[in-house]
Amino acid sequence: MLTRQRKELLLSRLKEDGQIVAKSLSEEWGLSEDTIRRDLRELAGEGLLQRVHGGALPLAAPLPASPAMGNFAERQQISSDAKPAIARAAAAMIKTGQMVFIDGGTTAVQLARHLPADLKCTVVTHSPSIAVELADHPLIDVIMIGGRLFKHSIVAMGPAALDAIAQIRTDIYFMGVCSLHPEQGISTGDYDEAGVKRAIAAAAHKTVVLASPEKLDTASPFQIAPMDSVGAIIVNAGVPDALLAPYRDMGIDVVLADG
């Protein structure tokens, strides 16, 4: 079979079945898997399909942009009922004596508000909003990271913030993101903010993503990290199982927050 004929058959099978499994097709057609994989790579290079592990899929439609790209005031109105439930589930993860990093963002502010009055721990943050929320907490020690204020997320950024973050090791990092997607990973709308979040995650034993519903299966311009760097995702209990299955399949702990 000529290369051109194989490629035409591959595209025809992809259209019919919606996917190509290289191993199954090699057995059916009596061809080596290497031959099938090579043809798939070339077709992907021509922009005719999407290569995935073990085969190919049709070209994906562009992922929707996250509504979390709006300014702080606008984001406070999005999923306003969902965020307190996520915050309560996150607060329940923190144990006495731990050192945790709480990110900036509207869901993170809710987390700070839901920390129990009898919780004794250390909170590190680069968010003035989080620090103010915890100023009157009787038992929580607050370490404030400084730097240039990034007004979109109300957090400190820049070289000073990165230097301070590099000196601290935390048990849990509660990360706020604009978007998360099984293949595109966790992402945000600013290049420098992505780098700061990456640095915080690198200094944490576990990263927990606070994922209000509008952020799932969306993509923002700048990747923070692939999904395999995430230890857990906290989502609302009403999110469809089909939307969460890919994350569970990666071994990520999906925590369902009840309203």
Protein backbone atom coordinates (compact mmCIF):
# COMPACT_ATOMS: atom_id res chain seq x y z
CA MET A 1 0.00 0.00 0.00
CA LEU A 2 1.38 3.38 -1.00
CA THR A 3 1.91 6.10 1.58
CA ARG A 4 -0.70 8.33 -0.05
CA GLN A 5 -3.26 5.52 0.04
CA ARG A 6 -2.56 4.78 3.72
CA LYS A 7 -3.01 8.41 4.65
CA GLU A 8 -6.30 8.65 2.78
CA LEU A 9 -7.52 5.52 4.56
CA LEU A 10 -6.39 6.88 7.92
CA LEU A 11 -8.31 10.13 7.39
CA SER A 12 -11.37 8.19 6.24
CA ARG A 13 -11.24 5.94 9.34
CA LEU A 14 -10.79 8.97 11.59
CA LYS A 15 -13.89 10.57 10.08
CA GLU A 16 -15.92 7.37 10.53
CA ASP A 17 -14.80 6.35 14.03
CA GLY A 18 -13.82 9.68 15.56
CA GLN A 19 -10.45 8.27 16.64
CA ILE A 20 -7.54 6.11 15.53
CA VAL A 21 -5.88 3.51 17.76
CA ALA A 22 -2.54 2.68 16.12
CA LYS A 23 -2.17 -0.79 17.62
CA SER A 24 -5.65 -1.97 16.59
CA LEU A 25 -5.29 -0.54 13.10
CA SER A 26 -1.88 -2.11 12.57
CA GLU A 27 -3.34 -5.54 13.39
CA GLU A 28 -6.37 -4.98 11.15
CA TRP A 29 -4.33 -3.78 8.16
CA GLY A 30 -1.31 -6.02 8.67
CA LEU A 31 1.05 -3.06 9.00
CA SER A 32 3.61 -2.23 11.67
CA GLU A 33 2.67 0.23 14.40
CA ASP A 34 5.73 2.29 13.46
CA THR A 35 4.35 2.76 9.95
CA ILE A 36 0.96 3.87 11.27
CA ARG A 37 2.55 6.21 13.80
CA ARG A 38 4.81 7.76 11.16
CA ASP A 39 1.84 8.43 8.89
CA LEU A 40 -0.06 9.97 11.80
CA ARG A 41 2.87 12.24 12.66
CA GLU A 42 3.06 13.44 9.07
CA LEU A 43 -0.70 14.03 8.90
CA ALA A 44 -0.53 15.96 12.16
CA GLY A 45 2.32 18.02 10.71
CA GLU A 46 0.05 18.85 7.77
CA GLY A 47 -2.62 20.06 10.19
CA LEU A 48 -5.08 17.29 9.30
CA LEU A 49 -5.44 15.58 12.69
CA GLN A 50 -4.31 15.72 16.32
CA ARG A 51 -1.72 13.20 17.53
CA VAL A 52 -2.35 11.68 20.96
CA HIS A 53 -0.67 8.87 22.86
CA GLY A 54 -1.42 5.63 21.01
CA GLY A 55 -3.16 7.14 18.00
CA ALA A 56 -4.95 10.26 16.80
CA LEU A 57 -8.09 12.37 17.21
CA PRO A 58 -9.80 14.90 14.96
CA LEU A 59 -8.53 18.45 15.23
CA ALA A 60 -9.95 20.01 18.36
CA ALA A 61 -12.00 23.18 18.17
CA PRO A 62 -10.37 26.17 19.87
CA LEU A 63 -10.90 26.02 23.61
CA PRO A 64 -13.19 28.68 25.08
CA ALA A 65 -11.56 31.54 26.94
CA SER A 66 -12.13 31.70 30.66
CA PRO A 67 -14.46 34.39 32.04
CA ALA A 68 -11.97 34.61 34.92
CA MET A 69 -9.85 36.82 32.66
CA GLY A 70 -11.94 39.82 33.73
CA ASN A 71 -10.90 42.32 36.39
CA PHE A 72 -11.17 41.63 40.13
CA ALA A 73 -14.55 43.35 40.57
CA GLU A 74 -16.05 41.47 37.61
CA ARG A 75 -14.73 38.13 38.87
CA GLN A 76 -16.37 38.64 42.25
CA GLN A 77 -19.74 38.31 40.51
CA ILE A 78 -18.90 35.03 38.75
CA SER A 79 -19.94 31.79 40.50
CA SER A 80 -20.52 33.77 43.68
CA ASP A 81 -22.59 30.90 45.13
CA ALA A 82 -19.98 28.26 44.27
CA LYS A 83 -16.91 29.93 45.77
CA PRO A 84 -17.88 29.74 49.48
CA ALA A 85 -18.41 25.97 49.18
CA ILE A 86 -15.00 25.54 47.55
CA ALA A 87 -13.50 27.72 50.29
CA ARG A 88 -14.99 25.58 53.06
CA ALA A 89 -13.64 22.39 51.48
CA ALA A 90 -10.18 23.98 51.15
CA ALA A 91 -10.21 25.20 54.75
CA ALA A 92 -10.98 21.68 55.94
CA MET A 93 -7.71 20.47 54.39
CA ILE A 94 -5.52 22.61 56.63
CA LYS A 95 -4.17 21.02 59.80
CA THR A 96 -2.90 22.65 62.95
CA GLY A 97 0.73 23.70 62.67
CA GLN A 98 0.93 23.62 58.89
CA MET A 99 2.39 26.33 56.69
CA VAL A 100 0.17 27.08 53.72
CA PHE A 101 0.38 29.50 50.81
CA ILE A 102 -2.89 31.16 49.83
CA ASP A 103 -2.96 32.69 46.35
CA GLY A 104 -4.72 35.87 45.34
CA GLY A 105 -8.14 35.92 43.70
CA THR A 106 -11.79 35.95 44.63
CA THR A 107 -12.07 32.28 45.66
CA ALA A 108 -8.90 32.61 47.77
CA VAL A 109 -10.46 35.55 49.64
CA GLN A 110 -13.38 33.29 50.48
CA LEU A 111 -10.93 30.67 51.76
CA ALA A 112 -9.35 33.19 54.13
CA ARG A 113 -12.81 34.12 55.43
CA HIS A 114 -13.68 30.47 56.12
CA LEU A 115 -10.60 29.53 58.17
CA PRO A 116 -11.82 28.44 61.64
CA ALA A 117 -11.20 30.78 64.54
CA ASP A 118 -9.42 27.99 66.46
CA LEU A 119 -7.04 27.10 63.60
CA LYS A 120 -3.40 27.68 64.47
CA CYS A 121 -1.14 27.73 61.43
CA THR A 122 1.04 29.99 59.28
CA VAL A 123 -0.34 31.53 56.09
CA VAL A 124 2.05 32.86 53.48
CA THR A 125 0.54 35.10 50.82
CA HIS A 126 1.47 37.66 48.21
CA SER A 127 -2.07 39.02 48.29
CA PRO A 128 -2.84 42.14 50.38
CA SER A 129 -6.50 41.10 50.30
CA ILE A 130 -5.71 37.79 52.01
CA ALA A 131 -3.47 39.47 54.59
CA VAL A 132 -6.19 41.97 55.50
CA GLU A 133 -8.79 39.20 55.81
CA LEU A 134 -6.54 37.40 58.31
CA ALA A 135 -5.37 40.46 60.24
CA ASP A 136 -7.84 39.83 63.05
CA HIS A 137 -7.54 36.04 63.13
CA PRO A 138 -6.41 35.19 66.68
CA LEU A 139 -4.11 32.23 65.96
CA ILE A 140 -2.89 32.50 62.38
CA ASP A 141 0.56 33.94 61.76
CA VAL A 142 0.65 35.79 58.42
CA ILE A 143 3.80 36.15 56.29
CA MET A 144 3.31 38.79 53.60
CA ILE A 145 5.29 38.60 50.36
CA GLY A 146 5.96 42.03 48.85
CA GLY A 147 6.70 43.38 45.40
CA ARG A 148 5.02 45.26 42.56
CA LEU A 149 1.23 45.14 42.79
CA PHE A 150 -0.41 43.31 39.89
CA LYS A 151 -3.80 44.99 39.93
CA HIS A 152 -5.69 42.35 37.97
CA SER A 153 -5.29 39.76 40.73
CA ILE A 154 -4.32 42.10 43.60
CA VAL A 155 -1.04 40.25 44.25
CA ALA A 156 2.63 41.18 44.55
CA MET A 157 4.89 40.21 41.66
CA GLY A 158 8.37 40.88 40.34
CA PRO A 159 11.94 39.96 41.41
CA ALA A 160 11.41 40.78 45.10
CA ALA A 161 8.40 38.49 45.30
CA LEU A 162 10.22 35.65 43.52
CA ASP A 163 13.24 35.97 45.82
CA ALA A 164 11.03 35.77 48.93
CA ILE A 165 9.01 32.83 47.56
CA ALA A 166 12.22 30.88 46.93
CA GLN A 167 13.10 31.07 50.65
CA ILE A 168 9.89 29.46 51.94
CA ARG A 169 8.68 25.84 51.83
CA THR A 170 4.97 25.26 52.39
CA ASP A 171 2.81 22.19 53.01
CA ILE A 172 -0.03 23.22 50.69
CA TYR A 173 -0.38 25.85 48.00
CA PHE A 174 -3.99 26.84 47.34
CA MET A 175 -3.74 28.08 43.77
CA GLY A 176 -6.20 30.28 41.95
CA VAL A 177 -6.18 29.96 38.15
CA CYS A 178 -8.04 31.40 35.18
CA SER A 179 -8.30 28.04 33.40
CA LEU A 180 -7.65 24.34 33.69
CA HIS A 181 -7.88 21.66 31.03
CA PRO A 182 -6.76 17.99 30.95
CA GLU A 183 -4.44 18.57 27.98
CA GLN A 184 -3.61 22.28 28.23
CA GLY A 185 -2.92 22.19 31.97
CA ILE A 186 -3.44 25.10 34.34
CA SER A 187 -3.11 28.54 32.83
CA THR A 188 -3.60 32.24 33.42
CA GLY A 189 -3.79 35.46 31.45
CA ASP A 190 -0.46 37.08 32.32
CA TYR A 191 3.04 35.85 31.50
CA ASP A 192 4.68 37.08 34.72
CA GLU A 193 1.84 35.86 36.92
CA ALA A 194 2.22 32.38 35.44
CA GLY A 195 5.90 32.43 36.45
CA VAL A 196 5.12 33.50 40.01
CA LYS A 197 2.50 30.77 40.43
CA ARG A 198 4.97 28.23 39.04
CA ALA A 199 7.56 29.32 41.63
CA ILE A 200 5.06 29.05 44.50
CA ALA A 201 4.01 25.57 43.37
CA ALA A 202 7.65 24.47 43.13
CA ALA A 203 8.15 25.47 46.77
CA ALA A 204 5.04 23.62 48.01
CA HIS A 205 4.68 19.97 48.98
CA LYS A 206 1.21 19.85 47.39
CA THR A 207 -0.68 22.14 45.02
CA VAL A 208 -4.45 22.34 45.35
CA VAL A 209 -6.35 24.20 42.61
CA LEU A 210 -9.47 26.13 43.56
CA ALA A 211 -11.64 25.55 40.49
CA SER A 212 -14.98 27.32 40.29
CA PRO A 213 -17.11 25.84 37.46
CA GLU A 214 -16.50 28.48 34.80
CA LYS A 215 -12.76 27.66 34.74
CA LEU A 216 -13.07 23.98 33.80
CA ASP A 217 -12.14 22.97 30.25
CA THR A 218 -11.01 26.46 29.26
CA ALA A 219 -7.61 27.79 28.24
CA SER A 220 -5.80 31.04 28.97
CA PRO A 221 -2.73 32.31 27.06
CA PHE A 222 0.03 31.34 29.52
CA GLN A 223 0.48 27.87 30.96
CA ILE A 224 1.49 27.66 34.60
CA ALA A 225 2.11 23.91 34.57
CA PRO A 226 0.75 20.65 33.14
CA MET A 227 -1.99 18.90 35.08
CA ASP A 228 0.36 16.22 36.42
CA SER A 229 1.87 18.83 38.75
CA VAL A 230 -1.47 19.24 40.56
CA GLY A 231 -2.19 17.19 43.67
CA ALA A 232 -5.88 18.01 44.02
CA ILE A 233 -8.69 20.05 42.49
CA ILE A 234 -11.59 21.38 44.53
CA VAL A 235 -14.79 21.74 42.49
CA ASN A 236 -18.47 22.07 43.28
CA ALA A 237 -20.51 18.92 43.83
CA GLY A 238 -22.80 19.72 40.91
CA VAL A 239 -20.10 19.50 38.23
CA PRO A 240 -20.88 16.61 35.80
CA ASP A 241 -18.80 13.47 36.33
CA ALA A 242 -17.89 13.36 32.63
CA LEU A 243 -16.12 16.70 33.01
CA LEU A 244 -14.11 15.45 35.99
CA ALA A 245 -13.25 11.95 34.75
CA PRO A 246 -10.11 12.99 32.78
CA TYR A 247 -8.60 14.55 35.92
CA ARG A 248 -9.34 11.47 38.02
CA ASP A 249 -7.80 9.29 35.32
CA MET A 250 -4.56 11.27 35.76
CA GLY A 251 -4.51 10.34 39.45
CA ILE A 252 -5.54 13.81 40.61
CA ASP A 253 -7.65 13.91 43.76
CA VAL A 254 -10.94 15.61 42.87
CA VAL A 255 -12.61 17.05 45.98
CA LEU A 256 -16.32 17.77 45.65
CA ALA A 257 -17.47 20.79 47.65
CA ASP A 258 -21.05 20.61 48.86
CA GLY A 259 -23.11 23.77 48.85
